[in-house]
C-alpha atoms as a PDB file:
ATOM      1  CA  MET A   1      -4.471   3.909  11.260  1.00  0.00           C
ATOM      2  CA  ALA A   2      -3.500   2.489   7.890  1.00  0.00           C
ATOM      3  CA  THR A   3      -0.639   0.059   7.767  1.00  0.00           C
ATOM      4  CA  ARG A   4       2.427   0.746   5.666  1.00  0.00           C
ATOM      5  CA  GLU A   5       1.552  -2.133   3.328  1.00  0.00           C
ATOM      6  CA  ARG A   6      -1.992  -0.850   2.769  1.00  0.00           C
ATOM      7  CA  ARG A   7      -0.773   2.649   1.982  1.00  0.00           C
ATOM      8  CA  LEU A   8       1.848   1.313  -0.412  1.00  0.00           C
ATOM      9  CA  ALA A   9      -0.847  -0.733  -2.150  1.00  0.00           C
ATOM     10  CA  GLU A  10      -2.907   2.437  -2.645  1.00  0.00           C
ATOM     11  CA  PHE A  11       0.038   4.135  -4.367  1.00  0.00           C
ATOM     12  CA  ASP A  12       0.465   1.517  -7.046  1.00  0.00           C
ATOM     13  CA  GLY A  13       2.377   3.418  -9.728  1.00  0.00           C
ATOM     14  CA  ARG A  14       4.905   1.206 -11.459  1.00  0.00           C
ATOM     15  CA  GLY A  15       8.292   2.509 -12.487  1.00  0.00           C
ATOM     16  CA  ASP A  16       8.615   6.248 -12.968  1.00  0.00           C
ATOM     17  CA  PRO A  17       5.724   8.357 -14.265  1.00  0.00           C
ATOM     18  CA  GLU A  18       6.121  10.334 -17.484  1.00  0.00           C
ATOM     19  CA  PRO A  19       7.303  13.941 -16.812  1.00  0.00           C
ATOM     20  CA  HIS A  20       4.041  15.427 -18.135  1.00  0.00           C
ATOM     21  CA  LEU A  21       1.939  13.509 -15.583  1.00  0.00           C
ATOM     22  CA  THR A  22       0.834  15.200 -12.368  1.00  0.00           C
ATOM     23  CA  VAL A  23       0.632  12.586  -9.620  1.00  0.00           C
ATOM     24  CA  GLN A  24       0.103  12.127  -5.900  1.00  0.00           C
ATOM     25  CA  VAL A  25       3.083  10.785  -3.970  1.00  0.00           C
ATOM     26  CA  LEU A  26       3.534   8.780  -0.800  1.00  0.00           C
ATOM     27  CA  CYS A  27       6.599   9.564   1.291  1.00  0.00           C
ATOM     28  CA  GLU A  28       8.201   7.835   4.242  1.00  0.00           C
ATOM     29  CA  ASP A  29      10.367   8.936   7.146  1.00  0.00           C
ATOM     30  CA  HIS A  30      11.194   7.706  10.646  1.00  0.00           C
ATOM     31  CA  SER A  31       7.608   8.466  11.763  1.00  0.00           C
ATOM     32  CA  GLY A  32       5.853   6.519   9.018  1.00  0.00           C
ATOM     33  CA  THR A  33       4.234   7.105   5.640  1.00  0.00           C
ATOM     34  CA  TYR A  34       2.357  10.202   4.517  1.00  0.00           C
ATOM     35  CA  GLN A  35       0.903  11.693   1.359  1.00  0.00           C
ATOM     36  CA  LEU A  36       2.220  15.078   0.302  1.00  0.00           C
ATOM     37  CA  PRO A  37      -0.504  17.752   0.244  1.00  0.00           C
ATOM     38  CA  PHE A  38       0.443  18.889  -3.272  1.00  0.00           C
ATOM     39  CA  ALA A  39       0.728  17.269  -6.689  1.00  0.00           C
ATOM     40  CA  CYS A  40       4.133  16.292  -8.035  1.00  0.00           C
ATOM     41  CA  ARG A  41       5.930  15.511 -11.280  1.00  0.00           C
ATOM     42  CA  PHE A  42       8.964  13.286 -11.847  1.00  0.00           C
ATOM     43  CA  VAL A  43      11.336  15.342 -14.012  1.00  0.00           C
ATOM     44  CA  GLU A  44      14.876  14.356 -14.997  1.00  0.00           C
ATOM     45  CA  GLY A  45      15.144  11.842 -12.166  1.00  0.00           C
ATOM     46  CA  GLU A  46      13.811  14.164  -9.436  1.00  0.00           C
ATOM     47  CA  TRP A  47      10.443  14.571  -7.758  1.00  0.00           C
ATOM     48  CA  ARG A  48       9.196  18.152  -8.020  1.00  0.00           C
ATOM     49  CA  ASN A  49       6.205  20.130  -6.777  1.00  0.00           C
ATOM     50  CA  ALA A  50       3.972  20.340  -9.856  1.00  0.00           C
ATOM     51  CA  GLU A  51       2.991  23.954  -9.160  1.00  0.00           C
ATOM     52  CA  THR A  52       6.223  25.561  -7.941  1.00  0.00           C
ATOM     53  CA  GLY A  53       8.835  23.307  -9.526  1.00  0.00           C
ATOM     54  CA  SER A  54      10.633  22.982  -6.175  1.00  0.00           C
ATOM     55  CA  MET A  55      12.435  19.710  -5.523  1.00  0.00           C
ATOM     56  CA  VAL A  56      10.696  17.384  -3.066  1.00  0.00           C
ATOM     57  CA  GLU A  57      12.999  16.879  -0.103  1.00  0.00           C
ATOM     58  CA  ALA A  58      11.421  13.666   1.122  1.00  0.00           C
ATOM     59  CA  ARG A  59      11.827   9.976   0.389  1.00  0.00           C
ATOM     60  CA  VAL A  60       9.119   9.085  -2.137  1.00  0.00           C
ATOM     61  CA  VAL A  61       8.084   5.434  -1.858  1.00  0.00           C
ATOM     62  CA  GLY A  62       5.051   5.372  -4.164  1.00  0.00           C
ATOM     63  CA  TRP A  63       2.932   7.354  -6.578  1.00  0.00           C
ATOM     64  CA  ARG A  64      -0.514   7.225  -8.173  1.00  0.00           C
ATOM     65  CA  LEU A  65      -2.636   9.186 -10.571  1.00  0.00           C
ATOM     66  CA  PRO A  66      -4.824  11.751  -8.788  1.00  0.00           C
ATOM     67  CA  ARG A  67      -8.020  10.345  -7.346  1.00  0.00           C
ATOM     68  CA  THR A  68     -11.230  12.131  -8.213  1.00  0.00           C
ATOM     69  CA  VAL A  69     -13.908  12.602  -5.592  1.00  0.00           C
END
């Protein structure tokens, strides 16, 4: 299992992403860290699901540009 530090290092976005960028986010709760299964945008100070526009109700601790396979 990946350590918290390793996961945080993988989500190396600095500051807040521009609102037009679609990014992957890393969240954290009492159980640990996890990547959301959908892309997000940071709009007007809030993390939102890039497809639905719904507010993300999780503590985002990191972000990165989407990785291509």
